[in-house]
């Protein structure tokens, strides 16, 4: 880790691409929110997902944290159509088949109440007289649109998806569309966590 390294967490809004380059003039990108040179996301959040995005200019760390072999936990609050039953939650926990791939075991629970997230803009589309529920799902992998495919596979389509943590890093207190540098404690925990998985130090 050098003095020039930057480590940033960003509370990504809905409809923002997890990149700095526009693919068309209508796209909103990270450049509309983050004016820090040469930082890039560690992993991705789909344009229609919200929540915590980690960015750094340390290419070695970026590559290693994104490597599925090291299984960093990522926790999501997931609003789904209808109320998942025990059977559906058990399937999500033990693994489901999505596109010829079986997902790894995951931590999944039905949240007893609406989590502390603000209203989405634009609001979700839901069917009148069809209830919704929120799940907390913690995964150690990140296949393309995996959470959405998992809930669809057990019959409860995802309406809204918010990533609330990556390992020990959490969104706590970070407003939608805002970013901040990691604290020294967060950096130490990130370093210790990665070292415990055998990926070495972060130095470029």
Protein backbone atom coordinates (compact mmCIF):
# COMPACT_ATOMS: atom_id res chain seq x y z
CA UNK A 1 0.00 0.00 0.00
CA UNK A 2 1.47 3.36 -0.98
CA UNK A 3 0.64 6.92 -0.04
CA UNK A 4 -0.87 7.42 -3.49
CA UNK A 5 -3.38 4.59 -3.12
CA UNK A 6 -7.04 5.54 -2.88
CA UNK A 7 -9.83 3.39 -1.49
CA UNK A 8 -13.37 4.74 -1.83
CA UNK A 9 -16.85 3.47 -1.08
CA UNK A 10 -19.78 4.89 -3.05
CA UNK A 11 -23.53 4.57 -2.48
CA UNK A 12 -24.60 3.89 -6.06
CA UNK A 13 -28.10 4.98 -7.05
CA UNK A 14 -30.41 3.07 -9.36
CA UNK A 15 -29.76 3.67 -13.06
CA UNK A 16 -26.03 4.46 -12.75
CA UNK A 17 -23.53 2.36 -14.70
CA UNK A 18 -20.61 0.99 -12.66
CA UNK A 19 -18.07 2.62 -14.98
CA UNK A 20 -16.77 6.06 -15.89
CA UNK A 21 -17.26 5.81 -19.67
CA UNK A 22 -20.60 6.56 -21.30
CA UNK A 23 -21.88 4.02 -23.81
CA UNK A 24 -24.48 6.49 -25.06
CA UNK A 25 -25.33 10.12 -24.22
CA UNK A 26 -28.31 9.04 -22.10
CA UNK A 27 -26.25 6.93 -19.70
CA UNK A 28 -25.43 8.15 -16.19
CA UNK A 29 -22.01 6.94 -15.05
CA UNK A 30 -19.71 7.15 -12.04
CA UNK A 31 -18.18 10.28 -13.58
CA UNK A 32 -21.38 12.14 -12.68
CA UNK A 33 -20.67 11.51 -8.99
CA UNK A 34 -16.96 10.81 -8.40
CA UNK A 35 -14.24 13.29 -9.37
CA UNK A 36 -11.22 11.21 -8.39
CA UNK A 37 -8.69 10.27 -11.09
CA UNK A 38 -7.71 6.70 -11.92
CA UNK A 39 -9.97 4.81 -9.50
CA UNK A 40 -11.98 1.85 -10.77
CA UNK A 41 -14.68 -0.37 -9.27
CA UNK A 42 -13.85 -3.61 -7.53
CA UNK A 43 -16.47 -5.84 -9.15
CA UNK A 44 -19.71 -4.41 -10.46
CA UNK A 45 -23.25 -3.49 -9.57
CA UNK A 46 -25.77 -3.73 -12.38
CA UNK A 47 -27.23 -0.43 -13.56
CA UNK A 48 -30.60 -1.36 -12.00
CA UNK A 49 -29.05 -2.30 -8.64
CA UNK A 50 -28.17 0.06 -5.80
CA UNK A 51 -25.80 0.20 -2.89
CA UNK A 52 -22.17 -0.18 -1.94
CA UNK A 53 -19.47 0.00 -4.58
CA UNK A 54 -15.77 -0.14 -3.67
CA UNK A 55 -13.31 1.71 -5.91
CA UNK A 56 -9.52 1.86 -5.87
CA UNK A 57 -6.51 2.78 -8.00
CA UNK A 58 -4.65 -0.27 -6.67
CA UNK A 59 -4.91 -2.68 -9.58
CA UNK A 60 -3.51 -5.63 -7.67
CA UNK A 61 -6.08 -5.28 -4.90
CA UNK A 62 -8.86 -4.72 -7.43
CA UNK A 63 -7.99 -7.95 -9.22
CA UNK A 64 -7.65 -10.03 -6.08
CA UNK A 65 -10.81 -8.82 -4.37
CA UNK A 66 -12.71 -9.58 -7.57
CA UNK A 67 -11.28 -13.10 -7.82
CA UNK A 68 -14.05 -15.61 -6.94
CA UNK A 69 -11.52 -18.00 -5.40
CA UNK A 70 -11.26 -15.83 -2.30
CA UNK A 71 -14.99 -15.72 -1.54
CA UNK A 72 -15.43 -12.30 0.05
CA UNK A 73 -18.94 -12.05 1.49
CA UNK A 74 -21.34 -9.62 -0.15
CA UNK A 75 -24.66 -8.88 1.55
CA UNK A 76 -27.77 -7.66 -0.27
CA UNK A 77 -31.23 -6.53 0.76
CA UNK A 78 -33.55 -7.93 -1.88
CA UNK A 79 -37.18 -6.93 -2.35
CA UNK A 80 -39.11 -9.73 -4.02
CA UNK A 81 -42.61 -10.26 -5.29
CA UNK A 82 -44.78 -12.26 -2.88
CA UNK A 83 -43.66 -13.76 0.45
CA UNK A 84 -41.01 -16.52 0.13
CA UNK A 85 -41.84 -19.67 2.06
CA UNK A 86 -39.46 -21.87 4.03
CA UNK A 87 -38.92 -24.17 1.05
CA UNK A 88 -37.83 -21.31 -1.22
CA UNK A 89 -35.47 -19.88 1.41
CA UNK A 90 -33.95 -23.33 1.99
CA UNK A 91 -33.29 -23.70 -1.74
CA UNK A 92 -31.59 -20.30 -1.85
CA UNK A 93 -29.46 -21.28 1.15
CA UNK A 94 -28.33 -24.63 -0.23
CA UNK A 95 -27.95 -23.67 -3.91
CA UNK A 96 -30.08 -23.37 -7.02
CA UNK A 97 -29.48 -24.11 -10.68
CA UNK A 98 -29.06 -21.00 -12.84
CA UNK A 99 -27.89 -21.33 -16.44
CA UNK A 100 -26.27 -24.76 -15.98
CA UNK A 101 -24.53 -23.57 -12.82
CA UNK A 102 -25.33 -24.46 -9.22
CA UNK A 103 -24.85 -21.58 -6.80
CA UNK A 104 -22.75 -21.95 -3.68
CA UNK A 105 -24.46 -22.15 -0.28
CA UNK A 106 -25.62 -18.70 0.86
CA UNK A 107 -26.92 -17.07 4.02
CA UNK A 108 -30.55 -16.11 3.42
CA UNK A 109 -33.23 -14.86 5.82
CA UNK A 110 -36.60 -13.17 5.55
CA UNK A 111 -36.40 -9.69 7.07
CA UNK A 112 -39.17 -9.10 9.62
CA UNK A 113 -39.72 -5.51 8.52
CA UNK A 114 -38.89 -3.02 5.79
CA UNK A 115 -35.13 -2.32 5.92
CA UNK A 116 -33.80 1.24 6.36
CA UNK A 117 -33.62 2.20 2.70
CA UNK A 118 -35.23 5.25 1.14
CA UNK A 119 -37.68 5.19 -1.73
CA UNK A 120 -36.19 4.34 -5.10
CA UNK A 121 -36.34 6.80 -7.97
CA UNK A 122 -38.08 5.80 -10.12
CA UNK A 123 -40.26 3.69 -7.82
CA UNK A 124 -40.41 -0.06 -8.34
CA UNK A 125 -43.18 -1.47 -10.48
CA UNK A 126 -45.34 -3.84 -8.50
CA UNK A 127 -48.69 -5.48 -9.04
CA UNK A 128 -51.62 -4.22 -7.03
CA UNK A 129 -52.80 -6.72 -4.42
CA UNK A 130 -49.58 -8.75 -4.71
CA UNK A 131 -47.51 -8.47 -1.50
CA UNK A 132 -43.75 -7.96 -1.45
CA UNK A 133 -41.08 -9.02 1.04
CA UNK A 134 -37.44 -8.27 1.78
CA UNK A 135 -34.71 -10.89 2.03
CA UNK A 136 -31.18 -10.51 3.33
CA UNK A 137 -28.83 -12.58 1.18
CA UNK A 138 -25.09 -13.02 1.77
CA UNK A 139 -23.16 -14.56 -1.12
CA UNK A 140 -19.49 -15.43 -1.61
CA UNK A 141 -19.65 -15.28 -5.40
CA UNK A 142 -20.85 -12.79 -7.98
CA UNK A 143 -22.06 -14.35 -11.20
CA UNK A 144 -23.81 -12.10 -13.72
CA UNK A 145 -27.16 -10.98 -12.24
CA UNK A 146 -26.90 -13.86 -9.81
CA UNK A 147 -29.25 -12.66 -7.06
CA UNK A 148 -32.01 -11.87 -9.54
CA UNK A 149 -31.60 -15.25 -11.22
CA UNK A 150 -31.61 -17.05 -7.88
CA UNK A 151 -34.85 -15.52 -6.62
CA UNK A 152 -36.50 -16.03 -10.02
CA UNK A 153 -35.45 -19.70 -9.97
CA UNK A 154 -37.45 -20.27 -6.78
CA UNK A 155 -40.46 -18.31 -8.01
CA UNK A 156 -40.01 -14.92 -6.31
CA UNK A 157 -38.82 -12.29 -8.82
CA UNK A 158 -36.54 -9.51 -7.58
CA UNK A 159 -38.08 -6.03 -7.64
CA UNK A 160 -35.27 -4.13 -5.97
CA UNK A 161 -31.67 -4.98 -5.07
CA UNK A 162 -29.43 -3.06 -2.64
CA UNK A 163 -25.90 -4.18 -1.74
CA UNK A 164 -25.29 -3.16 1.86
CA UNK A 165 -21.86 -4.64 2.56
CA UNK A 166 -18.70 -6.14 1.09
CA UNK A 167 -16.92 -8.03 3.85
CA UNK A 168 -16.71 -5.62 6.80
CA UNK A 169 -17.38 -2.52 4.64
CA UNK A 170 -20.90 -1.20 5.13
CA UNK A 171 -23.10 1.58 3.77
CA UNK A 172 -23.92 2.82 7.29
CA UNK A 173 -24.53 6.57 7.22
CA UNK A 174 -23.51 7.09 3.58
CA UNK A 175 -26.26 8.94 1.71
CA UNK A 176 -27.42 7.90 -1.74
CA UNK A 177 -25.04 9.26 -4.40
CA UNK A 178 -22.30 10.09 -1.89
CA UNK A 179 -18.78 8.64 -1.57
CA UNK A 180 -16.00 8.75 1.00
CA UNK A 181 -12.49 7.44 1.53
CA UNK A 182 -12.11 4.35 3.69
CA UNK A 183 -11.06 4.98 7.27
CA UNK A 184 -7.72 3.70 8.56
CA UNK A 185 -9.57 0.99 10.51
CA UNK A 186 -11.50 -0.12 7.42
CA UNK A 187 -8.26 -0.30 5.46
CA UNK A 188 -6.61 -2.37 8.18
CA UNK A 189 -9.56 -4.78 8.30
CA UNK A 190 -9.58 -5.02 4.50
CA UNK A 191 -5.86 -5.76 4.55
CA UNK A 192 -6.19 -8.35 7.31
CA UNK A 193 -9.15 -10.04 5.65
CA UNK A 194 -7.38 -10.33 2.31
CA UNK A 195 -4.15 -11.52 3.91
CA UNK A 196 -6.06 -14.25 5.78
CA UNK A 197 -7.26 -15.53 2.39
CA UNK A 198 -3.69 -15.84 1.18
CA UNK A 199 -3.64 -13.00 -1.32
CA UNK A 200 -0.76 -11.08 0.21
CA UNK A 201 -0.33 -7.34 0.66
CA UNK A 202 -1.87 -4.66 -1.53
CA UNK A 203 1.30 -3.03 -2.78
CA UNK A 204 1.22 -2.39 -6.51
